[in-house]
Amino acid sequence: MMISGLPTIDINDLKRNTFLNQYQKTDQIIIWLFEVLESFDMSLRTSFLQFVTGTSKVPPEGFKGLMGLNGPTKFTIQK
């Protein structure tokens, strides 16, 4: 698990560790995004994560451990 990450993608963990730039968590587009992600099976969640982060696995400590080019960083949705 330390090498390959967590096998499941917890959407609630993703929500808690998402930084919204010029959006609010109450904006309809953000609500829709997380509703769609919650409806995805694990295979589609993995594909989404691979597309947006470059990896299909969640760090062992969850999304709070997501690493960017400059170290730890939150998943960011920017307008």
N, C-alpha and C. Protein backbone atom coordinates (compact mmCIF):
# COMPACT_ATOMS: atom_id res chain seq x y z
N MET A 1 0.81 -1.18 0.00
CA MET A 1 0.00 0.00 0.00
C MET A 1 0.87 1.26 0.00
N MET A 2 2.01 1.23 0.66
CA MET A 2 2.90 2.40 0.69
C MET A 2 3.42 2.72 -0.70
N ILE A 3 3.64 1.71 -1.52
CA ILE A 3 4.19 1.93 -2.86
C ILE A 3 3.09 2.24 -3.87
N SER A 4 2.00 1.50 -3.82
CA SER A 4 0.99 1.65 -4.88
C SER A 4 -0.22 2.49 -4.48
N GLY A 5 -0.39 2.84 -3.22
CA GLY A 5 -1.52 3.68 -2.81
C GLY A 5 -2.75 2.87 -2.45
N LEU A 6 -3.81 3.60 -2.11
CA LEU A 6 -5.06 2.97 -1.70
C LEU A 6 -5.81 2.39 -2.89
N PRO A 7 -6.47 1.25 -2.71
CA PRO A 7 -7.18 0.62 -3.82
C PRO A 7 -8.56 1.22 -4.10
N THR A 8 -9.08 2.02 -3.18
CA THR A 8 -10.40 2.61 -3.39
C THR A 8 -10.30 4.14 -3.41
N ILE A 9 -11.28 4.74 -4.05
CA ILE A 9 -11.31 6.20 -4.16
C ILE A 9 -12.54 6.69 -3.40
N ASP A 10 -12.31 7.35 -2.28
CA ASP A 10 -13.36 7.86 -1.40
C ASP A 10 -13.70 9.29 -1.83
N ILE A 11 -14.89 9.47 -2.38
CA ILE A 11 -15.30 10.78 -2.88
C ILE A 11 -15.46 11.78 -1.74
N ASN A 12 -15.89 11.34 -0.57
CA ASN A 12 -15.99 12.26 0.58
C ASN A 12 -14.62 12.77 0.99
N ASP A 13 -13.61 11.91 0.93
CA ASP A 13 -12.23 12.33 1.22
C ASP A 13 -11.77 13.33 0.16
N LEU A 14 -12.10 13.08 -1.10
CA LEU A 14 -11.75 14.02 -2.16
C LEU A 14 -12.41 15.37 -1.92
N LYS A 15 -13.69 15.38 -1.55
CA LYS A 15 -14.39 16.64 -1.27
C LYS A 15 -13.70 17.42 -0.16
N ARG A 16 -13.36 16.72 0.93
CA ARG A 16 -12.72 17.39 2.08
C ARG A 16 -11.36 17.99 1.73
N ASN A 17 -10.70 17.41 0.74
CA ASN A 17 -9.34 17.83 0.41
C ASN A 17 -9.25 18.48 -0.97
N THR A 18 -10.33 19.14 -1.37
CA THR A 18 -10.35 19.85 -2.65
C THR A 18 -10.33 21.35 -2.39
N PHE A 19 -9.46 22.05 -3.10
CA PHE A 19 -9.39 23.49 -3.05
C PHE A 19 -10.17 24.04 -4.24
N LEU A 20 -11.12 24.91 -3.97
CA LEU A 20 -11.92 25.52 -5.03
C LEU A 20 -11.43 26.94 -5.26
N ASN A 21 -10.95 27.23 -6.47
CA ASN A 21 -10.46 28.54 -6.83
C ASN A 21 -11.51 29.23 -7.70
N GLN A 22 -12.13 30.27 -7.16
CA GLN A 22 -13.19 31.03 -7.81
C GLN A 22 -14.50 30.23 -7.94
N TYR A 23 -14.63 29.20 -7.14
CA TYR A 23 -15.87 28.45 -7.01
C TYR A 23 -16.21 28.36 -5.53
N GLN A 24 -17.45 28.06 -5.25
CA GLN A 24 -17.91 27.76 -3.89
C GLN A 24 -18.44 26.33 -3.89
N LYS A 25 -18.40 25.65 -2.75
CA LYS A 25 -18.90 24.28 -2.71
C LYS A 25 -20.39 24.20 -2.99
N THR A 26 -21.08 25.33 -2.91
CA THR A 26 -22.52 25.37 -3.18
C THR A 26 -22.83 25.69 -4.65
N ASP A 27 -21.82 25.97 -5.47
CA ASP A 27 -22.05 26.22 -6.90
C ASP A 27 -22.57 24.95 -7.56
N GLN A 28 -23.56 25.09 -8.41
CA GLN A 28 -24.22 23.93 -9.03
C GLN A 28 -23.23 23.04 -9.77
N ILE A 29 -22.28 23.60 -10.46
CA ILE A 29 -21.32 22.80 -11.23
C ILE A 29 -20.47 21.91 -10.32
N ILE A 30 -20.13 22.40 -9.14
CA ILE A 30 -19.36 21.61 -8.17
C ILE A 30 -20.24 20.51 -7.57
N ILE A 31 -21.47 20.84 -7.27
CA ILE A 31 -22.42 19.83 -6.76
C ILE A 31 -22.58 18.72 -7.79
N TRP A 32 -22.79 19.11 -9.06
CA TRP A 32 -22.94 18.10 -10.12
C TRP A 32 -21.69 17.24 -10.26
N LEU A 33 -20.51 17.85 -10.21
CA LEU A 33 -19.28 17.08 -10.35
C LEU A 33 -19.22 15.96 -9.31
N PHE A 34 -19.44 16.31 -8.05
CA PHE A 34 -19.33 15.30 -7.01
C PHE A 34 -20.48 14.29 -7.06
N GLU A 35 -21.65 14.71 -7.52
CA GLU A 35 -22.74 13.75 -7.72
C GLU A 35 -22.38 12.73 -8.79
N VAL A 36 -21.81 13.21 -9.88
CA VAL A 36 -21.40 12.30 -10.97
C VAL A 36 -20.30 11.37 -10.47
N LEU A 37 -19.30 11.91 -9.76
CA LEU A 37 -18.22 11.05 -9.25
C LEU A 37 -18.75 10.00 -8.29
N GLU A 38 -19.72 10.35 -7.47
CA GLU A 38 -20.32 9.37 -6.55
C GLU A 38 -21.06 8.28 -7.29
N SER A 39 -21.60 8.59 -8.46
CA SER A 39 -22.34 7.58 -9.23
C SER A 39 -21.40 6.64 -10.00
N PHE A 40 -20.14 7.04 -10.17
CA PHE A 40 -19.17 6.21 -10.91
C PHE A 40 -18.84 4.95 -10.12
N ASP A 41 -18.64 3.85 -10.86
CA ASP A 41 -18.08 2.67 -10.21
C ASP A 41 -16.57 2.91 -10.02
N MET A 42 -15.89 2.01 -9.33
CA MET A 42 -14.48 2.22 -9.00
C MET A 42 -13.61 2.32 -10.25
N SER A 43 -13.97 1.61 -11.31
CA SER A 43 -13.20 1.68 -12.55
C SER A 43 -13.25 3.08 -13.17
N LEU A 44 -14.43 3.69 -13.20
CA LEU A 44 -14.55 5.05 -13.74
C LEU A 44 -13.88 6.06 -12.82
N ARG A 45 -13.98 5.87 -11.51
CA ARG A 45 -13.29 6.77 -10.57
C ARG A 45 -11.78 6.71 -10.79
N THR A 46 -11.28 5.50 -11.00
CA THR A 46 -9.85 5.32 -11.26
C THR A 46 -9.44 6.03 -12.54
N SER A 47 -10.25 5.92 -13.58
CA SER A 47 -9.96 6.60 -14.85
C SER A 47 -9.98 8.11 -14.68
N PHE A 48 -10.95 8.63 -13.93
CA PHE A 48 -11.02 10.06 -13.66
C PHE A 48 -9.76 10.52 -12.93
N LEU A 49 -9.39 9.79 -11.88
CA LEU A 49 -8.22 10.16 -11.09
C LEU A 49 -6.95 10.13 -11.94
N GLN A 50 -6.82 9.13 -12.79
CA GLN A 50 -5.67 9.04 -13.69
C GLN A 50 -5.62 10.25 -14.62
N PHE A 51 -6.77 10.65 -15.14
CA PHE A 51 -6.83 11.78 -16.07
C PHE A 51 -6.44 13.10 -15.39
N VAL A 52 -6.95 13.34 -14.18
CA VAL A 52 -6.73 14.64 -13.55
C VAL A 52 -5.45 14.75 -12.72
N THR A 53 -4.88 13.61 -12.30
CA THR A 53 -3.68 13.68 -11.46
C THR A 53 -2.46 12.99 -12.07
N GLY A 54 -2.68 12.14 -13.05
CA GLY A 54 -1.57 11.39 -13.63
C GLY A 54 -1.32 10.06 -12.94
N THR A 55 -2.08 9.75 -11.90
CA THR A 55 -1.96 8.47 -11.22
C THR A 55 -3.36 7.95 -10.90
N SER A 56 -3.51 6.66 -10.90
CA SER A 56 -4.82 6.06 -10.63
C SER A 56 -4.98 5.64 -9.17
N LYS A 57 -3.99 5.92 -8.34
CA LYS A 57 -4.05 5.52 -6.93
C LYS A 57 -4.07 6.72 -6.01
N VAL A 58 -4.73 6.56 -4.89
CA VAL A 58 -4.79 7.58 -3.84
C VAL A 58 -3.62 7.33 -2.88
N PRO A 59 -2.90 8.37 -2.44
CA PRO A 59 -1.83 8.16 -1.47
C PRO A 59 -2.33 7.42 -0.22
N PRO A 60 -1.46 6.69 0.48
CA PRO A 60 -1.88 5.93 1.66
C PRO A 60 -2.60 6.77 2.71
N GLU A 61 -2.25 8.05 2.84
CA GLU A 61 -2.91 8.91 3.83
C GLU A 61 -4.16 9.59 3.28
N GLY A 62 -4.61 9.19 2.09
CA GLY A 62 -5.79 9.77 1.48
C GLY A 62 -5.43 10.98 0.63
N PHE A 63 -6.43 11.71 0.20
CA PHE A 63 -6.20 12.84 -0.69
C PHE A 63 -5.42 13.97 -0.03
N LYS A 64 -5.37 14.01 1.30
CA LYS A 64 -4.56 15.04 1.95
C LYS A 64 -3.07 14.82 1.68
N GLY A 65 -2.69 13.64 1.24
CA GLY A 65 -1.31 13.34 0.93
C GLY A 65 -0.96 13.47 -0.55
N LEU A 66 -1.88 14.03 -1.32
CA LEU A 66 -1.64 14.19 -2.76
C LEU A 66 -0.43 15.10 -2.98
N MET A 67 0.47 14.69 -3.86
CA MET A 67 1.69 15.44 -4.12
C MET A 67 1.64 16.11 -5.49
N GLY A 68 2.08 17.34 -5.52
CA GLY A 68 2.21 18.08 -6.76
C GLY A 68 3.68 18.27 -7.09
N LEU A 69 3.98 19.10 -8.05
CA LEU A 69 5.37 19.36 -8.43
C LEU A 69 6.18 19.99 -7.31
N ASN A 70 5.52 20.76 -6.45
CA ASN A 70 6.21 21.46 -5.37
C ASN A 70 5.92 20.87 -3.99
N GLY A 71 5.57 19.59 -3.95
CA GLY A 71 5.28 18.94 -2.68
C GLY A 71 3.79 18.72 -2.47
N PRO A 72 3.38 18.54 -1.20
CA PRO A 72 1.96 18.27 -0.92
C PRO A 72 1.06 19.38 -1.45
N THR A 73 -0.03 18.99 -2.07
CA THR A 73 -0.97 19.96 -2.64
C THR A 73 -2.37 19.37 -2.63
N LYS A 74 -3.35 20.23 -2.49
CA LYS A 74 -4.74 19.78 -2.54
C LYS A 74 -5.17 19.61 -3.99
N PHE A 75 -6.12 18.72 -4.20
CA PHE A 75 -6.77 18.62 -5.49
C PHE A 75 -7.46 19.97 -5.72
N THR A 76 -7.25 20.58 -6.87
CA THR A 76 -7.75 21.93 -7.13
C THR A 76 -8.68 21.97 -8.32
N ILE A 77 -9.80 22.67 -8.15
CA ILE A 77 -10.71 22.95 -9.26
C ILE A 77 -10.69 24.46 -9.44
N GLN A 78 -10.27 24.87 -10.61
CA GLN A 78 -10.11 26.30 -10.87
C GLN A 78 -11.01 26.74 -12.02
N LYS A 79 -11.62 27.90 -11.86
CA LYS A 79 -12.50 28.46 -12.87
C LYS A 79 -11.67 29.02 -14.01
